[in-house]
Amino acid sequence: MSSTVITNIATLVTNDPSLSLGDGSPLGLIQDAAVVIDGDRIAWTGETSKAPATDNRVDAGGRAVLPGFVDSHSHLVFAGDRTQEFNARMSGRAYSAGGIRTTVAATRAASDGELEANLTRYLDEALRQGTTTFETKSGYGLTVADESRALRIAAAHTDEVTYLGAHIVSPDYADDPAAYVALVTGEMLDACAPHARWIDVFCEKGAFDGDQARAILTAGKAKGLHPRIHANQLSYGPGVQLAVELDAASADHCTHLTDADVDALAAGRTVATLLPGAEFSTRAEWPDARRLLDADVTVALSTDCNPGSSFTSSVPFCIALAVRDMGMTPDEAVWAATAGGAAALRRDDVGRVTVGARADLTLLDAPSHVHLAYRPGVPLVSGVWRRGTRVV
C-alpha cells in the first residue's frame, strides 16, 4: 500500500469534536491543513507545515476538503420516467397517472440489466457530486421476485441496502391490504432478508398505519434486519414514536412533528433524516430543522433520490435548501450530510476525516465548505477520493 498526503488545504472539515474551537461549530475545522491517506484509511491530519513524508503528494491549491457525503436515503432501483407528473404538479394541474404505481409497472417490466444500468448511472452521478456512501431501497417491485431482485442488484453496489416491500400496498392486493402485509412479513421477507441490512416502511395515511408498520418492522428485526422508517412526511402520525420505540436507526422526512415527537427523538438515538428535495419537488411544507437541532436531536440530510418526489442525486443542492429554507447554518447542514448521514446508518468509519476512518474525501473548488450553500447550483466538487483512491 502507498501513502499520499494532500497539502495546502485552506479548510479541512474533520467532524472531530475534539478539535472544536468553542465557536459552536460541529465540524472540527483545521486551517492550512493536510491529510495523509495510507491505503484506504486516514492516517494523519494536521497543519500542512507538520505533515509527515509520504510516497505521494497532492497540492489542494488552497481549496477546502471535507468528508465524502453520506446519503442515507435513496430509491435508485427503478425504471421509467414521471416527467409528466412533475410537469403537471408544477403547472398547478391535477394529475392521476398513478404515482408510485407508474414506477412499479415500469420496474416490473424492466430487465435486470436495465435496472442495474439505471442504478449505476445515478450512483456515478452522485459520486461526481461528492457522495461516497449511499443507502438505497427496494420498493418499486412489490412482488417477491421483483423485490428480491432489486435488493440483489443494489447489494452488488453498496452494503447499505434496505428492504422496502412496504412502500405502498401492492396494486395486486388493493382490496386486501392485510394479505399484502402478510406477504411482506412472510414469503417476501424470507426472500429479501439475505440481500439487505435494513427494513423500512412508509407509515402514512394511504400507505401503512402504525399497527401494520410495527408488525412489518418487528418481523424484519426477527430476521436480523434493523428498522428505519418513512415517518410523518405528509401528516402527523405514529411513525416517529414507533421509530424511537423500535430503536430505528432513522426516522425519515419528519415534516409534521408534535412536541412529544421531538422529545422522543431527543431522548433516543434515532436520527431525524430530513429530505428537502422532496419538499422542493412537491412544493410542500419544509421540515423545521431548527426546532430539532435546538432540542439536541441528531439530524441527517439526504437526497431521497427517486423518480417521483425528489429526482435529485445532489447532496450539495440539499445542503443549500436546508440552509435557505430549513433554518440550518452552513456548518450544521454540512455536518448533517456527512456525520449525520453516518449516524443514520449506524456507521463510525465514514462521515469524518479522523485517524482510522475510511479515506473518503471531497475536494471543493472553493476555500470553504460554506460555498456549498453560498454558491447554490454551482458544480463545486473538483475531486473525490473513495476508500483512498481518487475516483473523480
Protein backbone atom coordinates (compact mmCIF):
# COMPACT_ATOMS: atom_id res chain seq x y z
CA MET A 1 0.00 0.00 0.00
CA SER A 2 1.20 3.51 -0.79
CA SER A 3 0.62 6.68 1.23
CA THR A 4 -0.49 10.06 -0.02
CA VAL A 5 -0.52 13.47 1.63
CA ILE A 6 -2.91 16.17 0.46
CA THR A 7 -1.44 19.53 1.44
CA ASN A 8 -2.31 23.21 1.15
CA ILE A 9 -5.94 22.65 2.20
CA ALA A 10 -7.49 26.02 3.05
CA THR A 11 -10.13 24.46 5.32
CA LEU A 12 -10.31 20.80 6.34
CA VAL A 13 -13.63 19.59 7.75
CA THR A 14 -12.84 16.69 10.10
CA ASN A 15 -16.08 16.35 12.14
CA ASP A 16 -13.75 15.62 15.06
CA PRO A 17 -15.37 17.07 18.20
CA SER A 18 -12.01 17.16 19.99
CA LEU A 19 -10.95 19.92 17.59
CA SER A 20 -13.86 22.19 18.47
CA LEU A 21 -12.76 25.79 18.91
CA GLY A 22 -15.63 26.63 21.22
CA ASP A 23 -17.40 28.52 18.44
CA GLY A 24 -20.39 26.20 18.30
CA SER A 25 -19.31 24.59 15.05
CA PRO A 26 -19.53 20.79 14.98
CA LEU A 27 -17.06 20.50 12.10
CA GLY A 28 -13.66 20.32 13.83
CA LEU A 29 -12.06 22.65 11.28
CA ILE A 30 -8.33 22.78 10.61
CA GLN A 31 -6.99 25.74 8.60
CA ASP A 32 -4.00 25.47 6.23
CA ALA A 33 -4.30 21.74 6.69
CA ALA A 34 -3.02 18.44 5.36
CA VAL A 35 -4.37 14.91 5.48
CA VAL A 36 -2.49 11.65 4.98
CA ILE A 37 -4.09 8.64 3.31
CA ASP A 38 -2.49 5.23 3.89
CA GLY A 39 -4.17 2.52 1.85
CA ASP A 40 -7.91 3.02 2.28
CA ARG A 41 -7.72 4.83 5.65
CA ILE A 42 -6.95 8.24 7.09
CA ALA A 43 -3.55 8.05 8.81
CA TRP A 44 -2.96 11.64 9.94
CA THR A 45 -4.47 15.14 9.92
CA GLY A 46 -2.97 18.44 10.95
CA GLU A 47 -1.32 21.61 9.72
CA THR A 48 0.46 21.45 6.37
CA SER A 49 3.76 22.53 7.94
CA LYS A 50 3.72 19.43 10.17
CA ALA A 51 2.75 16.85 7.53
CA PRO A 52 4.88 13.68 7.53
CA ALA A 53 6.67 12.34 4.48
CA THR A 54 4.64 10.06 2.20
CA ASP A 55 5.01 8.22 -1.11
CA ASN A 56 2.81 10.69 -2.98
CA ARG A 57 1.87 14.33 -2.61
CA VAL A 58 -1.19 16.24 -3.84
CA ASP A 59 -1.49 20.02 -3.62
CA ALA A 60 -5.05 21.09 -2.86
CA GLY A 61 -4.25 24.59 -4.09
CA GLY A 62 -5.97 26.43 -1.25
CA ARG A 63 -9.24 24.56 -1.63
CA ALA A 64 -11.49 23.03 1.01
CA VAL A 65 -11.63 19.29 1.79
CA LEU A 66 -14.44 17.59 3.66
CA PRO A 67 -15.63 14.03 4.25
CA GLY A 68 -17.41 12.36 1.37
CA PHE A 69 -21.15 12.87 1.66
CA VAL A 70 -23.17 10.06 3.24
CA ASP A 71 -26.55 9.80 1.50
CA SER A 72 -28.59 7.62 3.85
CA HIS A 73 -31.91 7.64 1.95
CA SER A 74 -32.44 6.93 -1.75
CA HIS A 75 -34.64 4.84 -4.05
CA LEU A 76 -32.45 4.03 -7.05
CA VAL A 77 -33.61 0.63 -8.29
CA PHE A 78 -36.38 1.65 -10.66
CA ALA A 79 -37.30 2.08 -14.30
CA GLY A 80 -39.46 4.55 -16.17
CA ASP A 81 -40.00 8.28 -16.02
CA ARG A 82 -42.51 10.56 -14.31
CA THR A 83 -41.77 13.83 -16.10
CA GLN A 84 -45.45 14.37 -16.94
CA GLU A 85 -46.43 14.02 -13.31
CA PHE A 86 -43.85 16.59 -12.21
CA ASN A 87 -44.77 18.97 -15.01
CA ALA A 88 -48.45 18.79 -14.11
CA ARG A 89 -47.73 19.36 -10.41
CA MET A 90 -45.53 22.37 -11.12
CA SER A 91 -48.15 23.74 -13.53
CA GLY A 92 -50.93 23.53 -10.99
CA ARG A 93 -52.79 20.81 -12.83
CA ALA A 94 -54.32 17.67 -11.35
CA TYR A 95 -52.53 14.50 -12.37
CA SER A 96 -53.76 10.96 -11.89
CA ALA A 97 -51.29 8.76 -13.76
CA GLY A 98 -50.65 6.60 -10.72
CA GLY A 99 -47.60 7.99 -8.93
CA ILE A 100 -45.60 5.16 -7.34
CA ARG A 101 -47.76 2.64 -9.20
CA THR A 102 -46.49 4.03 -12.51
CA THR A 103 -42.92 3.29 -11.44
CA VAL A 104 -43.94 -0.14 -10.15
CA ALA A 105 -45.30 -1.10 -13.56
CA ALA A 106 -42.18 0.14 -15.36
CA THR A 107 -39.84 -1.55 -12.88
CA ARG A 108 -41.59 -4.90 -13.14
CA ALA A 109 -41.30 -4.71 -16.93
CA ALA A 110 -37.58 -3.87 -16.94
CA SER A 111 -34.80 -6.44 -17.24
CA ASP A 112 -32.14 -6.92 -14.58
CA GLY A 113 -29.63 -5.30 -16.92
CA GLU A 114 -31.82 -2.24 -17.42
CA LEU A 115 -32.34 -1.80 -13.69
CA GLU A 116 -28.64 -2.14 -12.94
CA ALA A 117 -27.67 0.30 -15.71
CA ASN A 118 -30.09 2.85 -14.30
CA LEU A 119 -28.77 2.31 -10.77
CA THR A 120 -25.12 2.73 -11.75
CA ARG A 121 -25.95 5.82 -13.80
CA TYR A 122 -27.31 7.62 -10.75
CA LEU A 123 -24.59 6.29 -8.44
CA ASP A 124 -21.94 7.68 -10.80
CA GLU A 125 -23.83 10.96 -10.92
CA ALA A 126 -23.89 11.12 -7.12
CA LEU A 127 -20.20 10.22 -6.87
CA ARG A 128 -19.26 13.11 -9.14
CA GLN A 129 -21.06 15.37 -6.66
CA GLY A 130 -19.13 14.04 -3.67
CA THR A 131 -21.29 11.19 -2.37
CA THR A 132 -19.07 8.29 -1.31
CA THR A 133 -21.50 6.30 0.87
CA PHE A 134 -25.09 5.68 -0.08
CA GLU A 135 -28.10 3.71 1.07
CA THR A 136 -30.72 2.56 -1.41
CA LYS A 137 -34.02 0.72 -1.17
CA SER A 138 -36.29 -1.65 -2.97
CA GLY A 139 -39.96 -0.73 -3.11
CA TYR A 140 -40.82 -0.46 -6.79
CA GLY A 141 -41.40 -4.16 -7.42
CA LEU A 142 -43.86 -5.18 -4.69
CA THR A 143 -43.74 -8.86 -5.63
CA VAL A 144 -41.48 -11.47 -4.07
CA ALA A 145 -39.44 -11.85 -7.25
CA ASP A 146 -39.19 -8.14 -8.04
CA GLU A 147 -38.31 -7.01 -4.52
CA SER A 148 -35.64 -9.68 -4.09
CA ARG A 149 -34.03 -8.94 -7.45
CA ALA A 150 -33.98 -5.20 -6.68
CA LEU A 151 -32.10 -5.88 -3.46
CA ARG A 152 -29.75 -8.33 -5.14
CA ILE A 153 -28.89 -5.72 -7.77
CA ALA A 154 -28.41 -2.99 -5.15
CA ALA A 155 -26.26 -5.22 -2.93
CA ALA A 156 -23.70 -5.52 -5.72
CA HIS A 157 -23.02 -1.79 -5.33
CA THR A 158 -23.47 -0.93 -1.64
CA ASP A 159 -23.62 -2.58 1.77
CA GLU A 160 -26.40 -0.20 2.82
CA VAL A 161 -29.38 -1.96 1.26
CA THR A 162 -32.93 -1.56 2.58
CA TYR A 163 -35.92 -3.85 2.06
CA LEU A 164 -38.95 -1.64 1.39
CA GLY A 165 -41.60 -4.09 0.31
CA ALA A 166 -43.89 -1.90 2.44
CA HIS A 167 -43.60 1.18 0.21
CA ILE A 168 -47.29 1.08 -0.67
CA VAL A 169 -49.83 -1.73 -0.73
CA SER A 170 -49.19 -3.56 -3.98
CA PRO A 171 -51.85 -2.86 -6.65
CA ASP A 172 -52.30 -6.62 -6.76
CA TYR A 173 -53.62 -6.50 -3.17
CA ALA A 174 -55.59 -3.24 -3.33
CA ASP A 175 -58.69 -4.99 -1.97
CA ASP A 176 -56.85 -6.95 0.74
CA PRO A 177 -54.12 -4.90 2.47
CA ALA A 178 -53.90 -7.43 5.32
CA ALA A 179 -52.90 -10.13 2.86
CA TYR A 180 -50.19 -7.89 1.49
CA VAL A 181 -48.81 -7.22 4.98
CA ALA A 182 -48.74 -11.00 5.48
CA LEU A 183 -46.75 -11.35 2.27
CA VAL A 184 -44.32 -8.57 3.22
CA THR A 185 -43.71 -10.16 6.63
CA GLY A 186 -43.63 -13.72 5.30
CA GLU A 187 -42.55 -15.06 1.93
CA MET A 188 -41.26 -11.71 0.63
CA LEU A 189 -39.21 -11.08 3.78
CA ASP A 190 -37.72 -14.56 3.58
CA ALA A 191 -36.60 -13.92 0.00
CA CYS A 192 -35.31 -10.40 0.64
CA ALA A 193 -33.58 -10.61 4.02
CA PRO A 194 -30.40 -12.28 2.69
CA HIS A 195 -29.73 -9.26 0.44
CA ALA A 196 -30.47 -6.42 2.89
CA ARG A 197 -29.19 -4.81 6.07
CA TRP A 198 -32.27 -2.69 6.81
CA ILE A 199 -36.07 -2.86 6.70
CA ASP A 200 -38.23 0.20 6.05
CA VAL A 201 -41.94 1.01 5.87
CA PHE A 202 -43.91 4.03 4.64
CA CYS A 203 -46.00 4.79 7.72
CA GLU A 204 -48.54 7.27 6.41
CA LYS A 205 -52.22 7.68 5.59
CA GLY A 206 -52.78 5.86 2.31
CA ALA A 207 -49.84 3.52 2.91
CA PHE A 208 -49.39 1.63 6.22
CA ASP A 209 -50.79 2.55 9.62
CA GLY A 210 -48.96 2.29 12.93
CA ASP A 211 -50.03 -1.27 13.73
CA GLN A 212 -49.12 -2.51 10.25
CA ALA A 213 -45.79 -0.70 10.39
CA ARG A 214 -44.99 -2.20 13.80
CA ALA A 215 -45.76 -5.70 12.54
CA ILE A 216 -43.58 -5.24 9.45
CA LEU A 217 -40.59 -3.77 11.28
CA THR A 218 -40.82 -6.31 14.10
CA ALA A 219 -40.84 -9.16 11.59
CA GLY A 220 -37.78 -7.67 9.94
CA LYS A 221 -35.95 -7.40 13.24
CA ALA A 222 -36.65 -11.08 13.89
CA LYS A 223 -34.88 -11.80 10.57
CA GLY A 224 -31.86 -9.71 11.54
CA LEU A 225 -32.80 -6.54 9.63
CA HIS A 226 -32.60 -3.25 11.50
CA PRO A 227 -35.51 -0.77 11.23
CA ARG A 228 -35.70 2.61 9.59
CA ILE A 229 -38.98 4.29 8.74
CA HIS A 230 -40.63 6.85 6.46
CA ALA A 231 -42.30 8.92 9.19
CA ASN A 232 -44.56 11.97 9.43
CA GLN A 233 -43.96 13.21 5.89
CA LEU A 234 -47.46 14.13 4.76
CA SER A 235 -49.27 14.42 8.08
CA TYR A 236 -48.98 13.92 11.81
CA GLY A 237 -48.91 10.25 12.69
CA PRO A 238 -47.35 7.46 14.75
CA GLY A 239 -44.19 6.97 12.66
CA VAL A 240 -41.70 8.92 14.77
CA GLN A 241 -42.89 7.44 18.06
CA LEU A 242 -42.73 3.96 16.53
CA ALA A 243 -39.21 4.61 15.26
CA VAL A 244 -37.98 5.51 18.73
CA GLU A 245 -39.86 2.61 20.33
CA LEU A 246 -38.17 0.11 18.00
CA ASP A 247 -34.75 1.84 18.14
CA ALA A 248 -34.88 2.53 14.40
CA ALA A 249 -31.66 3.96 13.04
CA SER A 250 -33.57 6.83 11.47
CA ALA A 251 -36.98 8.38 11.09
CA ASP A 252 -37.02 9.92 7.63
CA HIS A 253 -38.87 13.08 6.49
CA CYS A 254 -40.07 14.28 9.95
CA THR A 255 -42.05 17.17 8.48
CA HIS A 256 -45.10 17.11 10.78
CA LEU A 257 -43.96 16.74 14.38
CA THR A 258 -45.63 17.26 17.74
CA ASP A 259 -43.64 18.37 20.78
CA ALA A 260 -43.87 14.76 22.01
CA ASP A 261 -42.29 13.56 18.75
CA VAL A 262 -39.38 15.97 19.15
CA ASP A 263 -38.94 14.98 22.79
CA ALA A 264 -38.91 11.28 21.85
CA LEU A 265 -36.23 11.84 19.20
CA ALA A 266 -34.15 13.84 21.66
CA ALA A 267 -34.37 11.07 24.28
CA GLY A 268 -33.43 8.21 21.95
CA ARG A 269 -30.73 7.57 19.40
CA THR A 270 -32.96 7.54 16.32
CA VAL A 271 -31.68 10.10 13.80
CA ALA A 272 -34.12 12.53 12.18
CA THR A 273 -33.25 12.36 8.48
CA LEU A 274 -34.51 15.39 6.55
CA LEU A 275 -35.07 15.21 2.81
CA PRO A 276 -35.50 18.73 1.42
CA GLY A 277 -35.51 17.56 -2.19
CA ALA A 278 -38.97 16.13 -1.57
CA GLU A 279 -40.37 19.42 -0.31
CA PHE A 280 -38.72 21.29 -3.17
CA SER A 281 -40.18 18.93 -5.77
CA THR A 282 -43.69 18.88 -4.31
CA ARG A 283 -43.95 22.46 -3.00
CA ALA A 284 -44.74 21.02 0.41
CA GLU A 285 -44.09 22.46 3.85
CA TRP A 286 -40.41 22.46 4.84
CA PRO A 287 -39.27 20.41 7.84
CA ASP A 288 -38.25 22.61 10.77
CA ALA A 289 -34.63 21.62 11.23
CA ARG A 290 -34.04 24.46 13.69
CA ARG A 291 -36.64 23.04 16.07
CA LEU A 292 -34.95 19.64 16.02
CA LEU A 293 -31.42 20.97 16.40
CA ASP A 294 -32.38 23.24 19.28
CA ALA A 295 -33.77 20.14 21.04
CA ASP A 296 -30.41 18.34 20.54
CA VAL A 297 -31.87 15.82 18.08
CA THR A 298 -29.30 14.27 15.74
CA VAL A 299 -30.17 15.39 12.21
CA ALA A 300 -29.10 13.93 8.87
CA LEU A 301 -29.60 15.38 5.38
CA SER A 302 -30.17 13.13 2.38
CA THR A 303 -31.45 13.38 -1.17
CA ASP A 304 -34.37 10.91 -1.19
CA CYS A 305 -33.42 10.45 -4.84
CA ASN A 306 -36.42 8.81 -6.53
CA PRO A 307 -38.27 9.29 -9.82
CA GLY A 308 -41.41 10.78 -8.32
CA SER A 309 -40.99 13.22 -5.45
CA SER A 310 -37.27 14.07 -5.31
CA PHE A 311 -35.39 13.34 -8.51
CA THR A 312 -32.04 14.75 -7.42
CA SER A 313 -28.82 12.95 -6.55
CA SER A 314 -27.13 16.16 -5.39
CA VAL A 315 -26.30 16.41 -1.70
CA PRO A 316 -24.83 19.92 -2.27
CA PHE A 317 -28.23 21.03 -3.58
CA CYS A 318 -29.92 19.62 -0.47
CA ILE A 319 -27.39 21.43 1.74
CA ALA A 320 -28.27 24.71 0.05
CA LEU A 321 -32.01 24.08 0.50
CA ALA A 322 -31.53 23.20 4.18
CA VAL A 323 -29.65 26.43 4.82
CA ARG A 324 -32.02 28.63 2.83
CA ASP A 325 -35.37 27.16 3.87
CA MET A 326 -35.00 24.89 6.91
CA GLY A 327 -33.17 27.06 9.43
CA MET A 328 -29.81 25.28 9.36
CA THR A 329 -26.44 27.03 9.42
CA PRO A 330 -23.95 26.03 6.72
CA ASP A 331 -21.88 24.19 9.33
CA GLU A 332 -24.91 22.27 10.62
CA ALA A 333 -26.00 21.31 7.11
CA VAL A 334 -22.56 20.02 6.13
CA TRP A 335 -22.33 18.02 9.36
CA ALA A 336 -25.79 16.56 8.74
CA ALA A 337 -24.83 15.50 5.20
CA THR A 338 -21.66 13.76 6.39
CA ALA A 339 -21.50 12.72 10.07
CA GLY A 340 -25.29 12.90 10.37
CA GLY A 341 -25.75 10.53 7.45
CA ALA A 342 -23.20 8.18 9.01
CA ALA A 343 -25.17 8.23 12.28
CA ALA A 344 -28.35 7.40 10.36
CA LEU A 345 -26.55 4.30 9.06
CA ARG A 346 -25.01 3.49 12.45
CA ARG A 347 -21.55 3.90 10.92
CA ASP A 348 -18.45 5.37 12.60
CA ASP A 349 -15.99 4.73 9.78
CA VAL A 350 -17.40 7.27 7.32
CA GLY A 351 -18.61 10.87 7.50
CA ARG A 352 -15.44 12.12 9.21
CA VAL A 353 -11.77 12.76 8.47
CA THR A 354 -10.06 11.28 11.51
CA VAL A 355 -7.35 8.69 12.01
CA GLY A 356 -8.69 5.22 11.21
CA ALA A 357 -11.73 6.43 9.28
CA ARG A 358 -12.24 5.36 5.69
CA ALA A 359 -10.40 7.68 3.31
CA ASP A 360 -13.47 9.18 1.64
CA LEU A 361 -12.81 12.82 0.77
CA THR A 362 -14.40 15.56 -1.29
CA LEU A 363 -12.31 18.43 -2.69
CA LEU A 364 -14.19 21.65 -3.42
CA ASP A 365 -13.19 24.28 -5.93
CA ALA A 366 -13.67 26.82 -3.14
CA PRO A 367 -11.77 27.81 0.00
CA SER A 368 -14.56 26.86 2.41
CA HIS A 369 -17.39 24.37 2.84
CA VAL A 370 -19.70 27.39 3.27
CA HIS A 371 -19.62 27.82 -0.51
CA LEU A 372 -21.88 24.76 -0.83
CA ALA A 373 -24.73 27.00 0.36
CA TYR A 374 -23.20 30.33 -0.69
CA ARG A 375 -22.97 29.26 -4.35
CA PRO A 376 -26.03 27.05 -4.87
CA GLY A 377 -26.26 25.13 -8.11
CA VAL A 378 -22.58 25.59 -8.96
CA PRO A 379 -20.65 22.31 -9.52
CA LEU A 380 -18.00 22.91 -6.86
CA VAL A 381 -16.80 19.32 -6.39
CA SER A 382 -13.44 19.06 -8.18
CA GLY A 383 -12.07 15.85 -6.67
CA VAL A 384 -13.33 12.76 -4.83
CA TRP A 385 -11.38 10.02 -3.06
CA ARG A 386 -13.21 6.83 -2.16
CA ARG A 387 -11.50 4.22 0.03
CA GLY A 388 -8.22 6.04 -0.57
CA THR A 389 -8.41 6.08 -4.36
CA ARG A 390 -9.11 9.20 -6.35
CA VAL A 391 -12.19 8.47 -8.45
CA VAL A 392 -13.10 11.99 -9.65
